[in-house]
């Protein structure tokens, strides 16, 4: 795992230590690659914060090929608070560490290219850090789609039927938790634990939060911290996203078996159950249909339940979207090899 320290200069001279100020200097860090569709809205939200203190924005660009780099450079030429750094590794963890090493704020706020922070996000996050003494604070991920399929994916990502008991997806109750979306950290805490693990292409946020909790620190969830997230726009992209989630969750759990929580066992058990059911059906074992029938019933109950609370025609796609998420995650978790 690489350090987030910048070897090009002395940290003691460069780095601003946390100070007893109500509004310390804040560094918003991002690692992006090929996010041309959403990066303008993301930057507008970050640069439009109502935070009374000083904010800098450092974006690590993973050598994008879709025009993201040109957008970033054009905005940086006009906005002195924005700086772009190169991320030749192209992974999120490496980019975040490079952005952090190039920043100077006492507080580090993570953002990404598919997200839009609410206008009070930074101010509230800094206040909650001070009130709780937490090592990381984060809030609700409000998935929001524009197309019919994107709206269905957004609904699936914000219901327990789709994502289990991951609090940052739907909870309205603040308190300690296992992980949060994105996150806001005191810089000295990130330096202390070594930043993000660059060996992980996915799940690096959960792994960092696990290390923080294992070190006796608190990870705090507060639903007032709102982040709009733009979901994938096709079933193929959604499948690849969740396949990678499952793959890298397995790698992370192999290194840190104590981090396992119950919700993470459901997708691989579902995949195993469906495979065994298919084999049982082929060789004529009675009641082979129990697992697929039970899962189909689950999907029906989920669709009906969600439709009561969400008046959106996209709910009708949940019987397709939820299995895509579950089966991709479970398949990725069970794959023997993890590609980089």
Protein backbone atom coordinates (compact mmCIF):
# COMPACT_ATOMS: atom_id res chain seq x y z
CA UNK A 1 0.00 0.00 0.00
CA UNK A 2 1.43 3.36 -1.03
CA UNK A 3 1.75 6.31 1.30
CA UNK A 4 -0.23 9.47 0.67
CA UNK A 5 2.77 11.57 1.62
CA UNK A 6 4.34 13.68 -1.11
CA UNK A 7 8.05 12.83 -1.37
CA UNK A 8 8.74 16.03 -3.31
CA UNK A 9 8.50 18.25 -0.26
CA UNK A 10 8.64 18.24 3.52
CA UNK A 11 5.18 17.56 4.90
CA UNK A 12 5.89 19.54 8.03
CA UNK A 13 6.37 22.67 5.95
CA UNK A 14 3.66 21.98 3.38
CA UNK A 15 0.88 20.41 5.40
CA UNK A 16 -1.56 22.49 7.35
CA UNK A 17 -2.26 20.80 10.70
CA UNK A 18 -5.79 20.74 12.13
CA UNK A 19 -6.33 23.98 14.02
CA UNK A 20 -8.95 24.95 16.60
CA UNK A 21 -10.81 26.94 14.00
CA UNK A 22 -14.49 26.67 13.31
CA UNK A 23 -13.81 26.76 9.57
CA UNK A 24 -10.41 25.18 8.82
CA UNK A 25 -9.04 25.00 5.31
CA UNK A 26 -10.72 22.19 3.34
CA UNK A 27 -9.36 20.14 0.44
CA UNK A 28 -11.92 18.45 -1.78
CA UNK A 29 -10.16 15.56 -3.55
CA UNK A 30 -11.36 13.57 -6.54
CA UNK A 31 -10.07 10.71 -8.69
CA UNK A 32 -11.74 10.65 -12.10
CA UNK A 33 -11.41 8.88 -15.42
CA UNK A 34 -13.72 9.27 -18.41
CA UNK A 35 -16.38 11.22 -16.53
CA UNK A 36 -17.08 13.84 -19.21
CA UNK A 37 -20.83 13.34 -18.92
CA UNK A 38 -21.04 14.36 -15.27
CA UNK A 39 -17.82 16.22 -14.35
CA UNK A 40 -19.17 19.72 -15.05
CA UNK A 41 -22.11 19.24 -12.68
CA UNK A 42 -19.79 17.71 -10.10
CA UNK A 43 -17.38 20.66 -10.22
CA UNK A 44 -20.23 23.18 -10.11
CA UNK A 45 -21.55 21.55 -6.93
CA UNK A 46 -18.11 21.46 -5.28
CA UNK A 47 -17.17 25.03 -6.21
CA UNK A 48 -20.63 26.28 -5.20
CA UNK A 49 -20.37 25.24 -1.55
CA UNK A 50 -21.59 27.70 1.10
CA UNK A 51 -18.59 26.94 3.33
CA UNK A 52 -17.29 30.17 4.95
CA UNK A 53 -13.69 28.96 5.10
CA UNK A 54 -11.14 28.35 2.36
CA UNK A 55 -11.71 25.49 -0.09
CA UNK A 56 -9.33 24.01 -2.65
CA UNK A 57 -10.25 21.30 -5.15
CA UNK A 58 -7.64 18.78 -6.33
CA UNK A 59 -8.64 16.39 -9.12
CA UNK A 60 -6.48 13.42 -10.10
CA UNK A 61 -7.23 12.59 -13.73
CA UNK A 62 -6.53 9.00 -14.77
CA UNK A 63 -5.55 10.06 -18.30
CA UNK A 64 -9.13 10.19 -19.56
CA UNK A 65 -9.85 9.59 -23.23
CA UNK A 66 -13.39 11.01 -23.47
CA UNK A 67 -12.77 14.74 -23.07
CA UNK A 68 -12.70 14.84 -19.28
CA UNK A 69 -9.10 16.09 -19.26
CA UNK A 70 -9.94 19.01 -21.55
CA UNK A 71 -12.90 20.00 -19.37
CA UNK A 72 -10.76 19.91 -16.24
CA UNK A 73 -7.95 21.97 -17.75
CA UNK A 74 -10.37 24.55 -19.12
CA UNK A 75 -12.04 24.94 -15.73
CA UNK A 76 -8.70 25.05 -13.88
CA UNK A 77 -7.50 27.88 -16.13
CA UNK A 78 -10.43 30.01 -14.96
CA UNK A 79 -10.79 28.78 -11.37
CA UNK A 80 -7.79 29.34 -9.04
CA UNK A 81 -9.28 27.01 -6.42
CA UNK A 82 -9.11 24.05 -8.83
CA UNK A 83 -5.93 22.09 -9.54
CA UNK A 84 -5.50 19.00 -11.74
CA UNK A 85 -2.83 16.34 -11.11
CA UNK A 86 -1.86 13.35 -13.24
CA UNK A 87 -2.85 9.83 -12.16
CA UNK A 88 -0.89 7.44 -14.40
CA UNK A 89 -2.04 4.43 -12.36
CA UNK A 90 -5.63 5.27 -13.38
CA UNK A 91 -7.12 3.60 -10.27
CA UNK A 92 -9.33 5.47 -7.81
CA UNK A 93 -7.20 4.67 -4.76
CA UNK A 94 -3.95 5.82 -6.40
CA UNK A 95 -5.64 8.97 -7.69
CA UNK A 96 -7.10 9.85 -4.30
CA UNK A 97 -3.72 9.39 -2.62
CA UNK A 98 -2.07 11.62 -5.24
CA UNK A 99 -4.74 14.27 -4.81
CA UNK A 100 -4.40 14.17 -1.02
CA UNK A 101 -0.60 14.42 -1.24
CA UNK A 102 -0.96 17.50 -3.46
CA UNK A 103 -3.47 19.21 -1.19
CA UNK A 104 -2.96 21.33 1.92
CA UNK A 105 -6.23 21.46 3.85
CA UNK A 106 -6.60 20.38 7.46
CA UNK A 107 -9.80 18.57 6.46
CA UNK A 108 -10.06 16.29 3.40
CA UNK A 109 -13.43 15.82 1.67
CA UNK A 110 -13.72 13.04 -0.87
CA UNK A 111 -15.89 13.43 -3.96
CA UNK A 112 -16.10 11.52 -7.25
CA UNK A 113 -17.00 12.18 -10.85
CA UNK A 114 -20.51 10.69 -10.62
CA UNK A 115 -21.53 12.70 -7.54
CA UNK A 116 -22.92 16.13 -6.73
CA UNK A 117 -22.51 17.42 -3.17
CA UNK A 118 -25.38 19.39 -1.67
CA UNK A 119 -24.51 23.09 -1.23
CA UNK A 120 -24.16 22.76 2.56
CA UNK A 121 -22.23 19.48 2.46
CA UNK A 122 -18.76 20.73 3.36
CA UNK A 123 -19.98 23.09 6.09
CA UNK A 124 -22.09 20.38 7.73
CA UNK A 125 -19.33 17.77 7.41
CA UNK A 126 -16.79 20.00 9.16
CA UNK A 127 -19.32 20.77 11.92
CA UNK A 128 -20.13 17.07 12.43
CA UNK A 129 -16.42 16.19 12.56
CA UNK A 130 -16.00 18.67 15.39
CA UNK A 131 -19.11 17.54 17.24
CA UNK A 132 -18.47 13.79 17.06
CA UNK A 133 -14.68 13.54 17.06
CA UNK A 134 -15.06 10.97 14.28
CA UNK A 135 -12.28 9.91 11.92
CA UNK A 136 -14.68 9.96 8.98
CA UNK A 137 -18.17 11.34 8.48
CA UNK A 138 -20.43 10.73 5.51
CA UNK A 139 -24.07 10.81 4.57
CA UNK A 140 -26.79 9.66 2.24
CA UNK A 141 -26.13 8.59 -1.32
CA UNK A 142 -29.17 9.82 -3.25
CA UNK A 143 -29.08 7.86 -6.49
CA UNK A 144 -30.88 9.85 -9.16
CA UNK A 145 -31.39 8.78 -12.75
CA UNK A 146 -32.73 10.56 -15.81
CA UNK A 147 -33.60 7.73 -18.20
CA UNK A 148 -36.18 5.04 -17.39
CA UNK A 149 -33.50 2.44 -16.68
CA UNK A 150 -31.34 4.85 -14.65
CA UNK A 151 -34.34 5.64 -12.46
CA UNK A 152 -34.92 1.92 -11.89
CA UNK A 153 -31.27 1.45 -10.92
CA UNK A 154 -31.51 4.45 -8.58
CA UNK A 155 -34.57 2.95 -6.88
CA UNK A 156 -32.86 -0.44 -6.52
CA UNK A 157 -29.80 1.24 -4.97
CA UNK A 158 -31.89 3.02 -2.33
CA UNK A 159 -33.97 0.14 -0.98
CA UNK A 160 -32.97 -2.64 1.44
CA UNK A 161 -34.32 -5.14 -1.12
CA UNK A 162 -31.49 -4.13 -3.43
CA UNK A 163 -28.62 -3.27 -1.08
CA UNK A 164 -29.37 -4.87 2.28
CA UNK A 165 -28.71 -2.85 5.42
CA UNK A 166 -26.07 -0.48 4.00
CA UNK A 167 -27.16 2.61 5.96
CA UNK A 168 -25.71 5.21 3.63
CA UNK A 169 -28.13 4.08 0.92
CA UNK A 170 -31.39 4.87 2.70
CA UNK A 171 -31.15 5.43 6.49
CA UNK A 172 -32.42 8.61 8.20
CA UNK A 173 -30.85 7.86 11.61
CA UNK A 174 -27.39 9.31 12.40
CA UNK A 175 -24.79 7.38 14.34
CA UNK A 176 -21.68 5.16 14.16
CA UNK A 177 -21.60 2.74 11.23
CA UNK A 178 -19.29 0.38 9.35
CA UNK A 179 -18.86 2.54 6.24
CA UNK A 180 -20.14 5.69 4.56
CA UNK A 181 -20.34 7.01 1.03
CA UNK A 182 -17.31 9.15 0.08
CA UNK A 183 -16.36 10.69 3.45
CA UNK A 184 -14.75 13.65 5.21
CA UNK A 185 -11.54 13.11 7.20
CA UNK A 186 -9.14 15.06 9.40
CA UNK A 187 -5.90 15.05 7.41
CA UNK A 188 -3.79 13.79 10.30
CA UNK A 189 -5.99 10.68 10.57
CA UNK A 190 -5.49 9.85 6.89
CA UNK A 191 -1.74 10.31 7.30
CA UNK A 192 -1.79 8.09 10.39
CA UNK A 193 -3.45 5.10 8.68
CA UNK A 194 -1.66 5.50 5.34
CA UNK A 195 -4.48 6.60 3.05
CA UNK A 196 -6.24 4.37 0.53
CA UNK A 197 -4.93 0.91 -0.34
CA UNK A 198 -3.76 1.10 -3.96
CA UNK A 199 -3.85 -2.70 -4.31
CA UNK A 200 -7.65 -2.50 -4.36
CA UNK A 201 -9.34 -1.27 -7.54
CA UNK A 202 -12.74 -1.39 -5.80
CA UNK A 203 -13.85 -1.45 -2.17
CA UNK A 204 -10.97 0.78 -1.11
CA UNK A 205 -13.37 3.02 0.82
CA UNK A 206 -14.79 0.17 2.90
CA UNK A 207 -11.27 -1.15 3.57
CA UNK A 208 -10.10 2.28 4.76
CA UNK A 209 -13.10 2.60 7.06
CA UNK A 210 -12.39 -0.87 8.43
CA UNK A 211 -8.81 0.14 9.26
CA UNK A 212 -10.09 3.27 10.96
CA UNK A 213 -12.53 1.27 13.09
CA UNK A 214 -9.91 -1.34 13.89
CA UNK A 215 -7.66 1.49 15.13
CA UNK A 216 -10.39 2.50 17.58
CA UNK A 217 -11.72 5.39 15.50
CA UNK A 218 -15.35 6.22 14.75
CA UNK A 219 -16.96 6.24 11.31
CA UNK A 220 -20.07 8.41 11.56
CA UNK A 221 -23.16 8.51 9.34
CA UNK A 222 -25.37 11.60 9.18
CA UNK A 223 -28.28 11.74 6.70
CA UNK A 224 -28.09 15.54 6.50
CA UNK A 225 -25.02 15.08 4.30
CA UNK A 226 -26.66 14.60 0.91
CA UNK A 227 -24.84 13.47 -2.22
CA UNK A 228 -26.57 12.99 -5.56
CA UNK A 229 -25.19 9.95 -7.37
CA UNK A 230 -25.67 9.26 -11.10
CA UNK A 231 -26.16 5.50 -11.68
CA UNK A 232 -25.03 3.45 -14.66
CA UNK A 233 -27.13 3.86 -17.78
CA UNK A 234 -27.22 0.28 -19.11
CA UNK A 235 -27.64 -3.21 -17.68
CA UNK A 236 -24.25 -4.16 -19.10
CA UNK A 237 -22.51 -1.29 -17.30
CA UNK A 238 -24.43 -2.10 -14.11
CA UNK A 239 -23.40 -5.75 -14.35
CA UNK A 240 -19.72 -4.85 -14.80
CA UNK A 241 -19.87 -2.40 -11.90
CA UNK A 242 -21.32 -4.94 -9.47
CA UNK A 243 -19.14 -7.76 -10.80
CA UNK A 244 -16.12 -5.67 -9.83
CA UNK A 245 -17.69 -4.84 -6.47
CA UNK A 246 -17.98 -8.56 -5.71
CA UNK A 247 -14.49 -9.39 -6.97
CA UNK A 248 -12.75 -6.78 -4.90
CA UNK A 249 -14.90 -7.41 -1.84
CA UNK A 250 -13.54 -10.97 -1.85
CA UNK A 251 -9.96 -9.69 -2.06
CA UNK A 252 -10.60 -7.28 0.78
CA UNK A 253 -12.22 -10.00 2.95
CA UNK A 254 -9.33 -12.39 2.32
CA UNK A 255 -7.04 -9.76 3.81
CA UNK A 256 -9.45 -8.67 6.54
CA UNK A 257 -11.84 -11.55 7.36
CA UNK A 258 -13.01 -9.75 10.48
CA UNK A 259 -14.66 -7.09 8.32
CA UNK A 260 -17.34 -9.48 7.02
CA UNK A 261 -20.95 -8.44 7.66
CA UNK A 262 -24.05 -10.53 7.05
CA UNK A 263 -25.34 -8.65 4.00
CA UNK A 264 -22.17 -9.51 2.08
CA UNK A 265 -22.89 -13.25 2.26
CA UNK A 266 -26.31 -13.06 0.57
CA UNK A 267 -25.32 -12.56 -3.14
CA UNK A 268 -22.74 -15.41 -3.32
CA UNK A 269 -25.12 -17.74 -1.45
CA UNK A 270 -27.85 -16.84 -3.94
CA UNK A 271 -25.60 -17.66 -6.90
CA UNK A 272 -24.54 -20.96 -5.33
CA UNK A 273 -28.17 -21.80 -4.55
CA UNK A 274 -29.30 -21.12 -8.11
CA UNK A 275 -26.46 -23.18 -9.59
CA UNK A 276 -27.21 -26.12 -7.30
CA UNK A 277 -30.91 -25.81 -8.10
CA UNK A 278 -30.18 -26.00 -11.82
CA UNK A 279 -28.00 -29.08 -11.34
CA UNK A 280 -30.67 -30.67 -9.15
CA UNK A 281 -33.26 -30.04 -11.84
CA UNK A 282 -31.06 -31.68 -14.48
CA UNK A 283 -30.59 -34.87 -12.46
CA UNK A 284 -34.20 -34.97 -11.28
CA UNK A 285 -33.92 -34.14 -7.58
CA UNK A 286 -37.39 -33.21 -6.18
CA UNK A 287 -38.11 -29.63 -5.17
CA UNK A 288 -35.17 -28.28 -7.18
CA UNK A 289 -37.28 -25.20 -7.87
CA UNK A 290 -37.44 -24.02 -4.24
CA UNK A 291 -34.55 -21.55 -4.42
CA UNK A 292 -35.48 -19.90 -7.75
CA UNK A 293 -39.14 -19.81 -6.72
CA UNK A 294 -38.26 -18.23 -3.38
CA UNK A 295 -36.10 -15.59 -5.07
CA UNK A 296 -38.82 -14.86 -7.63
CA UNK A 297 -41.26 -14.40 -4.73
CA UNK A 298 -38.78 -12.06 -3.05
CA UNK A 299 -38.54 -9.98 -6.23
CA UNK A 300 -42.33 -9.80 -6.49
CA UNK A 301 -42.71 -8.68 -2.87
CA UNK A 302 -39.91 -6.13 -3.35
CA UNK A 303 -41.53 -4.67 -6.46
CA UNK A 304 -44.97 -4.39 -4.87
CA UNK A 305 -43.62 -2.95 -1.61
CA UNK A 306 -41.45 -0.35 -3.31
CA UNK A 307 -44.24 0.65 -5.71
CA UNK A 308 -46.41 1.61 -2.73
CA UNK A 309 -43.88 4.25 -1.67
CA UNK A 310 -42.32 5.20 -5.01
CA UNK A 311 -44.77 6.48 -7.61
CA UNK A 312 -42.49 5.88 -10.56
CA UNK A 313 -43.17 3.60 -13.48
CA UNK A 314 -39.51 2.57 -13.44
CA UNK A 315 -40.31 0.35 -10.45
CA UNK A 316 -41.57 -2.23 -12.94
CA UNK A 317 -37.94 -2.84 -13.97
CA UNK A 318 -36.86 -3.90 -10.45
CA UNK A 319 -37.34 -7.63 -11.24
CA UNK A 320 -34.59 -7.13 -13.84
CA UNK A 321 -32.34 -4.57 -12.16
CA UNK A 322 -32.16 -6.13 -8.68
CA UNK A 323 -31.13 -9.59 -9.98
CA UNK A 324 -28.51 -7.92 -12.18
CA UNK A 325 -26.98 -6.33 -9.08
CA UNK A 326 -27.26 -9.42 -6.87
CA UNK A 327 -26.06 -11.98 -9.42
CA UNK A 328 -23.19 -9.81 -10.68
CA UNK A 329 -21.97 -9.14 -7.13
CA UNK A 330 -22.27 -12.79 -6.14
CA UNK A 331 -20.61 -14.02 -9.34
CA UNK A 332 -17.75 -11.59 -8.92
CA UNK A 333 -17.26 -12.69 -5.32
CA UNK A 334 -17.03 -16.35 -6.37
CA UNK A 335 -14.68 -15.86 -9.33
CA UNK A 336 -11.30 -17.48 -8.77
CA UNK A 337 -9.27 -14.77 -10.45
CA UNK A 338 -9.37 -11.00 -9.98
CA UNK A 339 -8.32 -8.94 -12.98
CA UNK A 340 -6.54 -5.63 -12.61
